[in-house]
Amino acid sequence: MIGNYVGALKHWVELQATHESVFLLADLHAITVPQDPADLQRRSLEFAALFLACGVDAERSTIFLQSHVPAHTQLMWVLNSITPMGDLQNDAV
């Protein structure tokens, strides 16, 4: 938690005073391993509360859960479908 505050949240609080800020809680990224859906939802909301407690202002910034925006998953599907593996590999090796 301290690393997240020092490395990111502290700076986000400062940036929202001078920039339009949109903060994503990437809860779908947690589904790389089996998850209890209720626990994942609870922890995602706890992280949103952490953002607010650290000073991210919901009146000046946008905070959203990745899973609540279907376009994220839809775009991922399109990009996965049209990107050849060769384009993803490093030719310099």
PDB file of N, CA and C in Angstrom:
ATOM      1  N   MET A   1       0.812  -1.195   0.000  1.00  0.00           N
ATOM      2  CA  MET A   1       0.000   0.000   0.000  1.00  0.00           C
ATOM      3  C   MET A   1       0.855   1.259   0.000  1.00  0.00           C
ATOM      4  N   ILE A   2       1.908   1.274   0.823  1.00  0.00           N
ATOM      5  CA  ILE A   2       2.751   2.461   0.907  1.00  0.00           C
ATOM      6  C   ILE A   2       3.405   2.724  -0.455  1.00  0.00           C
ATOM      7  N   GLY A   3       3.871   1.673  -1.118  1.00  0.00           N
ATOM      8  CA  GLY A   3       4.488   1.826  -2.435  1.00  0.00           C
ATOM      9  C   GLY A   3       3.514   2.381  -3.447  1.00  0.00           C
ATOM     10  N   ASN A   4       2.271   1.932  -3.399  1.00  0.00           N
ATOM     11  CA  ASN A   4       1.242   2.436  -4.304  1.00  0.00           C
ATOM     12  C   ASN A   4       0.977   3.916  -4.043  1.00  0.00           C
ATOM     13  N   TYR A   5       0.978   4.305  -2.766  1.00  0.00           N
ATOM     14  CA  TYR A   5       0.752   5.706  -2.426  1.00  0.00           C
ATOM     15  C   TYR A   5       1.920   6.573  -2.902  1.00  0.00           C
ATOM     16  N   VAL A   6       3.140   6.192  -2.535  1.00  0.00           N
ATOM     17  CA  VAL A   6       4.317   6.996  -2.874  1.00  0.00           C
ATOM     18  C   VAL A   6       4.569   6.999  -4.381  1.00  0.00           C
ATOM     19  N   GLY A   7       4.385   5.845  -5.017  1.00  0.00           N
ATOM     20  CA  GLY A   7       4.691   5.732  -6.437  1.00  0.00           C
ATOM     21  C   GLY A   7       3.641   6.290  -7.369  1.00  0.00           C
ATOM     22  N   ALA A   8       2.384   6.320  -6.947  1.00  0.00           N
ATOM     23  CA  ALA A   8       1.319   6.723  -7.867  1.00  0.00           C
ATOM     24  C   ALA A   8       0.324   7.698  -7.251  1.00  0.00           C
ATOM     25  N   LEU A   9      -0.385   7.264  -6.232  1.00  0.00           N
ATOM     26  CA  LEU A   9      -1.520   8.049  -5.729  1.00  0.00           C
ATOM     27  C   LEU A   9      -1.145   9.462  -5.299  1.00  0.00           C
ATOM     28  N   LYS A  10      -0.030   9.612  -4.639  1.00  0.00           N
ATOM     29  CA  LYS A  10       0.411  10.937  -4.195  1.00  0.00           C
ATOM     30  C   LYS A  10       0.550  11.874  -5.392  1.00  0.00           C
ATOM     31  N   HIS A  11       1.109  11.359  -6.483  1.00  0.00           N
ATOM     32  CA  HIS A  11       1.303  12.165  -7.684  1.00  0.00           C
ATOM     33  C   HIS A  11      -0.018  12.434  -8.401  1.00  0.00           C
ATOM     34  N   TRP A  12      -0.906  11.457  -8.380  1.00  0.00           N
ATOM     35  CA  TRP A  12      -2.211  11.647  -9.014  1.00  0.00           C
ATOM     36  C   TRP A  12      -2.984  12.761  -8.337  1.00  0.00           C
ATOM     37  N   VAL A  13      -2.911  12.821  -7.019  1.00  0.00           N
ATOM     38  CA  VAL A  13      -3.605  13.867  -6.263  1.00  0.00           C
ATOM     39  C   VAL A  13      -3.091  15.230  -6.714  1.00  0.00           C
ATOM     40  N   GLU A  14      -1.781  15.365  -6.896  1.00  0.00           N
ATOM     41  CA  GLU A  14      -1.203  16.622  -7.339  1.00  0.00           C
ATOM     42  C   GLU A  14      -1.602  16.939  -8.786  1.00  0.00           C
ATOM     43  N   LEU A  15      -1.583  15.944  -9.659  1.00  0.00           N
ATOM     44  CA  LEU A  15      -1.876  16.156 -11.075  1.00  0.00           C
ATOM     45  C   LEU A  15      -3.320  16.556 -11.340  1.00  0.00           C
ATOM     46  N   GLN A  16      -4.240  16.087 -10.519  1.00  0.00           N
ATOM     47  CA  GLN A  16      -5.644  16.398 -10.781  1.00  0.00           C
ATOM     48  C   GLN A  16      -5.945  17.890 -10.635  1.00  0.00           C
ATOM     49  N   ALA A  17      -5.061  18.635  -9.976  1.00  0.00           N
ATOM     50  CA  ALA A  17      -5.243  20.081  -9.834  1.00  0.00           C
ATOM     51  C   ALA A  17      -4.951  20.814 -11.138  1.00  0.00           C
ATOM     52  N   THR A  18      -4.127  20.206 -12.004  1.00  0.00           N
ATOM     53  CA  THR A  18      -3.710  20.886 -13.231  1.00  0.00           C
ATOM     54  C   THR A  18      -4.075  20.144 -14.509  1.00  0.00           C
ATOM     55  N   HIS A  19      -4.565  18.914 -14.385  1.00  0.00           N
ATOM     56  CA  HIS A  19      -4.863  18.094 -15.563  1.00  0.00           C
ATOM     57  C   HIS A  19      -6.222  17.414 -15.423  1.00  0.00           C
ATOM     58  N   GLU A  20      -6.843  17.159 -16.571  1.00  0.00           N
ATOM     59  CA  GLU A  20      -8.033  16.315 -16.566  1.00  0.00           C
ATOM     60  C   GLU A  20      -7.566  14.901 -16.255  1.00  0.00           C
ATOM     61  N   SER A  21      -8.113  14.307 -15.222  1.00  0.00           N
ATOM     62  CA  SER A  21      -7.600  13.026 -14.749  1.00  0.00           C
ATOM     63  C   SER A  21      -8.660  11.936 -14.817  1.00  0.00           C
ATOM     64  N   VAL A  22      -8.256  10.785 -15.344  1.00  0.00           N
ATOM     65  CA  VAL A  22      -9.111   9.607 -15.420  1.00  0.00           C
ATOM     66  C   VAL A  22      -8.320   8.453 -14.801  1.00  0.00           C
ATOM     67  N   PHE A  23      -8.863   7.860 -13.742  1.00  0.00           N
ATOM     68  CA  PHE A  23      -8.177   6.805 -13.012  1.00  0.00           C
ATOM     69  C   PHE A  23      -8.923   5.486 -13.174  1.00  0.00           C
ATOM     70  N   LEU A  24      -8.209   4.492 -13.645  1.00  0.00           N
ATOM     71  CA  LEU A  24      -8.760   3.167 -13.920  1.00  0.00           C
ATOM     72  C   LEU A  24      -8.367   2.202 -12.811  1.00  0.00           C
ATOM     73  N   LEU A  25      -9.348   1.493 -12.293  1.00  0.00           N
ATOM     74  CA  LEU A  25      -9.094   0.351 -11.410  1.00  0.00           C
ATOM     75  C   LEU A  25      -9.185  -0.893 -12.294  1.00  0.00           C
ATOM     76  N   ALA A  26      -8.043  -1.499 -12.584  1.00  0.00           N
ATOM     77  CA  ALA A  26      -7.964  -2.585 -13.561  1.00  0.00           C
ATOM     78  C   ALA A  26      -8.334  -3.925 -12.933  1.00  0.00           C
ATOM     79  N   ASP A  27      -9.593  -4.067 -12.562  1.00  0.00           N
ATOM     80  CA  ASP A  27     -10.031  -5.289 -11.888  1.00  0.00           C
ATOM     81  C   ASP A  27     -10.033  -6.509 -12.810  1.00  0.00           C
ATOM     82  N   LEU A  28     -10.216  -6.327 -14.107  1.00  0.00           N
ATOM     83  CA  LEU A  28     -10.190  -7.481 -15.008  1.00  0.00           C
ATOM     84  C   LEU A  28      -8.791  -8.086 -15.108  1.00  0.00           C
ATOM     85  N   HIS A  29      -7.764  -7.299 -14.835  1.00  0.00           N
ATOM     86  CA  HIS A  29      -6.401  -7.813 -14.868  1.00  0.00           C
ATOM     87  C   HIS A  29      -6.161  -8.835 -13.746  1.00  0.00           C
ATOM     88  N   ALA A  30      -7.004  -8.844 -12.734  1.00  0.00           N
ATOM     89  CA  ALA A  30      -6.861  -9.794 -11.624  1.00  0.00           C
ATOM     90  C   ALA A  30      -7.365 -11.182 -11.993  1.00  0.00           C
ATOM     91  N   ILE A  31      -8.012 -11.315 -13.135  1.00  0.00           N
ATOM     92  CA  ILE A  31      -8.632 -12.591 -13.491  1.00  0.00           C
ATOM     93  C   ILE A  31      -7.646 -13.492 -14.238  1.00  0.00           C
ATOM     94  N   THR A  32      -6.359 -13.317 -14.006  1.00  0.00           N
ATOM     95  CA  THR A  32      -5.371 -14.227 -14.575  1.00  0.00           C
ATOM     96  C   THR A  32      -5.257 -15.496 -13.742  1.00  0.00           C
ATOM     97  N   VAL A  33      -5.833 -15.457 -12.546  1.00  0.00           N
ATOM     98  CA  VAL A  33      -5.912 -16.621 -11.670  1.00  0.00           C
ATOM     99  C   VAL A  33      -7.354 -16.713 -11.163  1.00  0.00           C
ATOM    100  N   PRO A  34      -7.795 -17.888 -10.730  1.00  0.00           N
ATOM    101  CA  PRO A  34      -9.174 -17.998 -10.243  1.00  0.00           C
ATOM    102  C   PRO A  34      -9.457 -16.999  -9.114  1.00  0.00           C
ATOM    103  N   GLN A  35     -10.610 -16.380  -9.163  1.00  0.00           N
ATOM    104  CA  GLN A  35     -11.024 -15.381  -8.174  1.00  0.00           C
ATOM    105  C   GLN A  35     -12.429 -15.702  -7.677  1.00  0.00           C
ATOM    106  N   ASP A  36     -12.672 -15.410  -6.423  1.00  0.00           N
ATOM    107  CA  ASP A  36     -14.028 -15.437  -5.902  1.00  0.00           C
ATOM    108  C   ASP A  36     -14.668 -14.116  -6.336  1.00  0.00           C
ATOM    109  N   PRO A  37     -15.733 -14.159  -7.154  1.00  0.00           N
ATOM    110  CA  PRO A  37     -16.311 -12.923  -7.679  1.00  0.00           C
ATOM    111  C   PRO A  37     -16.696 -11.906  -6.598  1.00  0.00           C
ATOM    112  N   ALA A  38     -17.265 -12.364  -5.508  1.00  0.00           N
ATOM    113  CA  ALA A  38     -17.664 -11.442  -4.438  1.00  0.00           C
ATOM    114  C   ALA A  38     -16.437 -10.794  -3.794  1.00  0.00           C
ATOM    115  N   ASP A  39     -15.382 -11.578  -3.611  1.00  0.00           N
ATOM    116  CA  ASP A  39     -14.155 -11.047  -3.021  1.00  0.00           C
ATOM    117  C   ASP A  39     -13.488 -10.041  -3.960  1.00  0.00           C
ATOM    118  N   LEU A  40     -13.455 -10.348  -5.244  1.00  0.00           N
ATOM    119  CA  LEU A  40     -12.874  -9.430  -6.225  1.00  0.00           C
ATOM    120  C   LEU A  40     -13.645  -8.113  -6.253  1.00  0.00           C
ATOM    121  N   GLN A  41     -14.954  -8.187  -6.222  1.00  0.00           N
ATOM    122  CA  GLN A  41     -15.764  -6.963  -6.217  1.00  0.00           C
ATOM    123  C   GLN A  41     -15.515  -6.147  -4.941  1.00  0.00           C
ATOM    124  N   ARG A  42     -15.453  -6.823  -3.820  1.00  0.00           N
ATOM    125  CA  ARG A  42     -15.198  -6.125  -2.552  1.00  0.00           C
ATOM    126  C   ARG A  42     -13.843  -5.434  -2.568  1.00  0.00           C
ATOM    127  N   ARG A  43     -12.805  -6.158  -3.016  1.00  0.00           N
ATOM    128  CA  ARG A  43     -11.462  -5.572  -3.051  1.00  0.00           C
ATOM    129  C   ARG A  43     -11.372  -4.413  -4.046  1.00  0.00           C
ATOM    130  N   SER A  44     -12.095  -4.513  -5.159  1.00  0.00           N
ATOM    131  CA  SER A  44     -12.107  -3.424  -6.144  1.00  0.00           C
ATOM    132  C   SER A  44     -12.713  -2.161  -5.540  1.00  0.00           C
ATOM    133  N   LEU A  45     -13.795  -2.317  -4.805  1.00  0.00           N
ATOM    134  CA  LEU A  45     -14.421  -1.162  -4.156  1.00  0.00           C
ATOM    135  C   LEU A  45     -13.533  -0.614  -3.043  1.00  0.00           C
ATOM    136  N   GLU A  46     -12.796  -1.485  -2.359  1.00  0.00           N
ATOM    137  CA  GLU A  46     -11.853  -1.026  -1.341  1.00  0.00           C
ATOM    138  C   GLU A  46     -10.747  -0.178  -1.973  1.00  0.00           C
ATOM    139  N   PHE A  47     -10.293  -0.570  -3.157  1.00  0.00           N
ATOM    140  CA  PHE A  47      -9.274   0.228  -3.838  1.00  0.00           C
ATOM    141  C   PHE A  47      -9.835   1.580  -4.260  1.00  0.00           C
ATOM    142  N   ALA A  48     -11.084   1.610  -4.695  1.00  0.00           N
ATOM    143  CA  ALA A  48     -11.706   2.894  -5.030  1.00  0.00           C
ATOM    144  C   ALA A  48     -11.761   3.778  -3.782  1.00  0.00           C
ATOM    145  N   ALA A  49     -12.110   3.195  -2.665  1.00  0.00           N
ATOM    146  CA  ALA A  49     -12.142   3.947  -1.404  1.00  0.00           C
ATOM    147  C   ALA A  49     -10.742   4.427  -1.023  1.00  0.00           C
ATOM    148  N   LEU A  50      -9.722   3.619  -1.304  1.00  0.00           N
ATOM    149  CA  LEU A  50      -8.341   4.010  -1.037  1.00  0.00           C
ATOM    150  C   LEU A  50      -7.961   5.237  -1.866  1.00  0.00           C
ATOM    151  N   PHE A  51      -8.343   5.240  -3.134  1.00  0.00           N
ATOM    152  CA  PHE A  51      -8.077   6.401  -3.990  1.00  0.00           C
ATOM    153  C   PHE A  51      -8.663   7.658  -3.353  1.00  0.00           C
ATOM    154  N   LEU A  52      -9.912   7.558  -2.923  1.00  0.00           N
ATOM    155  CA  LEU A  52     -10.590   8.719  -2.317  1.00  0.00           C
ATOM    156  C   LEU A  52      -9.918   9.123  -1.007  1.00  0.00           C
ATOM    157  N   ALA A  53      -9.558   8.141  -0.194  1.00  0.00           N
ATOM    158  CA  ALA A  53      -8.933   8.430   1.094  1.00  0.00           C
ATOM    159  C   ALA A  53      -7.569   9.100   0.923  1.00  0.00           C
ATOM    160  N   CYS A  54      -6.892   8.811  -0.181  1.00  0.00           N
ATOM    161  CA  CYS A  54      -5.576   9.405  -0.432  1.00  0.00           C
ATOM    162  C   CYS A  54      -5.673  10.790  -1.054  1.00  0.00           C
ATOM    163  N   GLY A  55      -6.889  11.209  -1.406  1.00  0.00           N
ATOM    164  CA  GLY A  55      -7.058  12.569  -1.908  1.00  0.00           C
ATOM    165  C   GLY A  55      -7.501  12.696  -3.348  1.00  0.00           C
ATOM    166  N   VAL A  56      -7.690  11.591  -4.058  1.00  0.00           N
ATOM    167  CA  VAL A  56      -8.253  11.698  -5.401  1.00  0.00           C
ATOM    168  C   VAL A  56      -9.674  12.217  -5.237  1.00  0.00           C
ATOM    169  N   ASP A  57      -9.991  13.285  -5.927  1.00  0.00           N
ATOM    170  CA  ASP A  57     -11.270  13.981  -5.767  1.00  0.00           C
ATOM    171  C   ASP A  57     -12.228  13.572  -6.880  1.00  0.00           C
ATOM    172  N   ALA A  58     -13.279  12.866  -6.526  1.00  0.00           N
ATOM    173  CA  ALA A  58     -14.258  12.392  -7.511  1.00  0.00           C
ATOM    174  C   ALA A  58     -15.015  13.539  -8.177  1.00  0.00           C
ATOM    175  N   GLU A  59     -14.956  14.736  -7.613  1.00  0.00           N
ATOM    176  CA  GLU A  59     -15.590  15.903  -8.236  1.00  0.00           C
ATOM    177  C   GLU A  59     -14.715  16.464  -9.360  1.00  0.00           C
ATOM    178  N   ARG A  60     -13.407  16.269  -9.263  1.00  0.00           N
ATOM    179  CA  ARG A  60     -12.481  16.798 -10.273  1.00  0.00           C
ATOM    180  C   ARG A  60     -11.933  15.733 -11.205  1.00  0.00           C
ATOM    181  N   SER A  61     -12.029  14.487 -10.841  1.00  0.00           N
ATOM    182  CA  SER A  61     -11.441  13.388 -11.612  1.00  0.00           C
ATOM    183  C   SER A  61     -12.480  12.304 -11.845  1.00  0.00           C
ATOM    184  N   THR A  62     -12.178  11.446 -12.811  1.00  0.00           N
ATOM    185  CA  THR A  62     -13.027  10.293 -13.091  1.00  0.00           C
ATOM    186  C   THR A  62     -12.323   9.055 -12.570  1.00  0.00           C
ATOM    187  N   ILE A  63     -13.030   8.259 -11.795  1.00  0.00           N
ATOM    188  CA  ILE A  63     -12.527   6.974 -11.295  1.00  0.00           C
ATOM    189  C   ILE A  63     -13.500   5.910 -11.794  1.00  0.00           C
ATOM    190  N   PHE A  64     -12.962   4.855 -12.436  1.00  0.00           N
ATOM    191  CA  PHE A  64     -13.881   3.821 -12.911  1.00  0.00           C
ATOM    192  C   PHE A  64     -13.247   2.440 -12.839  1.00  0.00           C
ATOM    193  N   LEU A  65     -14.114   1.448 -12.709  1.00  0.00           N
ATOM    194  CA  LEU A  65     -13.693   0.048 -12.721  1.00  0.00           C
ATOM    195  C   LEU A  65     -13.678  -0.441 -14.164  1.00  0.00           C
ATOM    196  N   GLN A  66     -12.604  -1.074 -14.548  1.00  0.00           N
ATOM    197  CA  GLN A  66     -12.445  -1.603 -15.890  1.00  0.00           C
ATOM    198  C   GLN A  66     -13.623  -2.506 -16.282  1.00  0.00           C
ATOM    199  N   SER A  67     -14.067  -3.338 -15.368  1.00  0.00           N
ATOM    200  CA  SER A  67     -15.141  -4.287 -15.666  1.00  0.00           C
ATOM    201  C   SER A  67     -16.490  -3.608 -15.903  1.00  0.00           C
ATOM    202  N   HIS A  68     -16.610  -2.350 -15.539  1.00  0.00           N
ATOM    203  CA  HIS A  68     -17.870  -1.631 -15.722  1.00  0.00           C
ATOM    204  C   HIS A  68     -17.941  -0.921 -17.066  1.00  0.00           C
ATOM    205  N   VAL A  69     -16.885  -1.042 -17.881  1.00  0.00           N
ATOM    206  CA  VAL A  69     -16.851  -0.404 -19.202  1.00  0.00           C
ATOM    207  C   VAL A  69     -16.683  -1.516 -20.242  1.00  0.00           C
ATOM    208  N   PRO A  70     -17.782  -2.002 -20.825  1.00  0.00           N
ATOM    209  CA  PRO A  70     -17.705  -3.123 -21.764  1.00  0.00           C
ATOM    210  C   PRO A  70     -16.768  -2.866 -22.945  1.00  0.00           C
ATOM    211  N   ALA A  71     -16.561  -1.628 -23.325  1.00  0.00           N
ATOM    212  CA  ALA A  71     -15.686  -1.325 -24.460  1.00  0.00           C
ATOM    213  C   ALA A  71     -14.255  -1.811 -24.229  1.00  0.00           C
ATOM    214  N   HIS A  72     -13.804  -1.898 -22.990  1.00  0.00           N
ATOM    215  CA  HIS A  72     -12.450  -2.404 -22.711  1.00  0.00           C
ATOM    216  C   HIS A  72     -12.320  -3.844 -23.187  1.00  0.00           C
ATOM    217  N   THR A  73     -13.241  -4.681 -22.793  1.00  0.00           N
ATOM    218  CA  THR A  73     -13.199  -6.093 -23.176  1.00  0.00           C
ATOM    219  C   THR A  73     -13.461  -6.252 -24.664  1.00  0.00           C
ATOM    220  N   GLN A  74     -14.369  -5.461 -25.208  1.00  0.00           N
ATOM    221  CA  GLN A  74     -14.676  -5.544 -26.636  1.00  0.00           C
ATOM    222  C   GLN A  74     -13.462  -5.170 -27.484  1.00  0.00           C
ATOM    223  N   LEU A  75     -12.758  -4.111 -27.118  1.00  0.00           N
ATOM    224  CA  LEU A  75     -11.576  -3.712 -27.873  1.00  0.00           C
ATOM    225  C   LEU A  75     -10.475  -4.765 -27.740  1.00  0.00           C
ATOM    226  N   MET A  76     -10.314  -5.336 -26.555  1.00  0.00           N
ATOM    227  CA  MET A  76      -9.316  -6.385 -26.373  1.00  0.00           C
ATOM    228  C   MET A  76      -9.588  -7.549 -27.329  1.00  0.00           C
ATOM    229  N   TRP A  77     -10.847  -7.916 -27.469  1.00  0.00           N
ATOM    230  CA  TRP A  77     -11.203  -9.016 -28.362  1.00  0.00           C
ATOM    231  C   TRP A  77     -10.824  -8.682 -29.803  1.00  0.00           C
ATOM    232  N   VAL A  78     -11.130  -7.486 -30.243  1.00  0.00           N
ATOM    233  CA  VAL A  78     -10.802  -7.065 -31.608  1.00  0.00           C
ATOM    234  C   VAL A  78      -9.284  -7.078 -31.810  1.00  0.00           C
ATOM    235  N   LEU A  79      -8.544  -6.480 -30.884  1.00  0.00           N
ATOM    236  CA  LEU A  79      -7.089  -6.422 -31.031  1.00  0.00           C
ATOM    237  C   LEU A  79      -6.462  -7.810 -30.999  1.00  0.00           C
ATOM    238  N   ASN A  80      -6.953  -8.693 -30.149  1.00  0.00           N
ATOM    239  CA  ASN A  80      -6.449 -10.069 -30.111  1.00  0.00           C
ATOM    240  C   ASN A  80      -6.742 -10.814 -31.401  1.00  0.00           C
ATOM    241  N   SER A  81      -7.847 -10.480 -32.037  1.00  0.00           N
ATOM    242  CA  SER A  81      -8.257 -11.178 -33.247  1.00  0.00           C
ATOM    243  C   SER A  81      -7.501 -10.728 -34.490  1.00  0.00           C
ATOM    244  N   ILE A  82      -7.018  -9.490 -34.505  1.00  0.00           N
ATOM    245  CA  ILE A  82      -6.403  -8.971 -35.731  1.00  0.00           C
ATOM    246  C   ILE A  82      -4.886  -8.783 -35.642  1.00  0.00           C
ATOM    247  N   THR A  83      -4.295  -9.021 -34.483  1.00  0.00           N
ATOM    248  CA  THR A  83      -2.862  -8.809 -34.328  1.00  0.00           C
ATOM    249  C   THR A  83      -2.128 -10.130 -34.515  1.00  0.00           C
ATOM    250  N   PRO A  84      -1.355 -10.269 -35.610  1.00  0.00           N
ATOM    251  CA  PRO A  84      -0.614 -11.514 -35.839  1.00  0.00           C
ATOM    252  C   PRO A  84       0.487 -11.706 -34.792  1.00  0.00           C
ATOM    253  N   MET A  85       0.761 -12.942 -34.426  1.00  0.00           N
ATOM    254  CA  MET A  85       1.797 -13.238 -33.435  1.00  0.00           C
ATOM    255  C   MET A  85       3.150 -12.677 -33.875  1.00  0.00           C
ATOM    256  N   GLY A  86       3.433 -12.692 -35.168  1.00  0.00           N
ATOM    257  CA  GLY A  86       4.707 -12.168 -35.653  1.00  0.00           C
ATOM    258  C   GLY A  86       4.902 -10.707 -35.308  1.00  0.00           C
ATOM    259  N   ASP A  87       3.826  -9.934 -35.277  1.00  0.00           N
ATOM    260  CA  ASP A  87       3.921  -8.523 -34.926  1.00  0.00           C
ATOM    261  C   ASP A  87       4.195  -8.317 -33.438  1.00  0.00           C
ATOM    262  N   LEU A  88       3.929  -9.340 -32.646  1.00  0.00           N
ATOM    263  CA  LEU A  88       4.132  -9.240 -31.208  1.00  0.00           C
ATOM    264  C   LEU A  88       5.510  -9.727 -30.770  1.00  0.00           C
ATOM    265  N   GLN A  89       6.226 -10.359 -31.661  1.00  0.00           N
ATOM    266  CA  GLN A  89       7.517 -10.922 -31.313  1.00  0.00           C
ATOM    267  C   GLN A  89       8.627  -9.910 -31.576  1.00  0.00           C
ATOM    268  N   ASN A  90       9.669  -9.999 -30.778  1.00  0.00           N
ATOM    269  CA  ASN A  90      10.819  -9.113 -30.901  1.00  0.00           C
ATOM    270  C   ASN A  90      11.781  -9.698 -31.930  1.00  0.00           C
ATOM    271  N   ASP A  91      11.949  -9.026 -33.070  1.00  0.00           N
ATOM    272  CA  ASP A  91      12.825  -9.514 -34.132  1.00  0.00           C
ATOM    273  C   ASP A  91      14.299  -9.311 -33.817  1.00  0.00           C
ATOM    274  N   ALA A  92      14.615  -8.531 -32.798  1.00  0.00           N
ATOM    275  CA  ALA A  92      15.999  -8.216 -32.471  1.00  0.00           C
ATOM    276  C   ALA A  92      16.714  -9.359 -31.762  1.00  0.00           C
ATOM    277  N   VAL A  93      15.980 -10.367 -31.323  1.00  0.00           N
ATOM    278  CA  VAL A  93      16.592 -11.472 -30.562  1.00  0.00           C
ATOM    279  C   VAL A  93      17.327 -12.401 -31.475  1.00  0.00           C
TER     280      VAL A  93
END
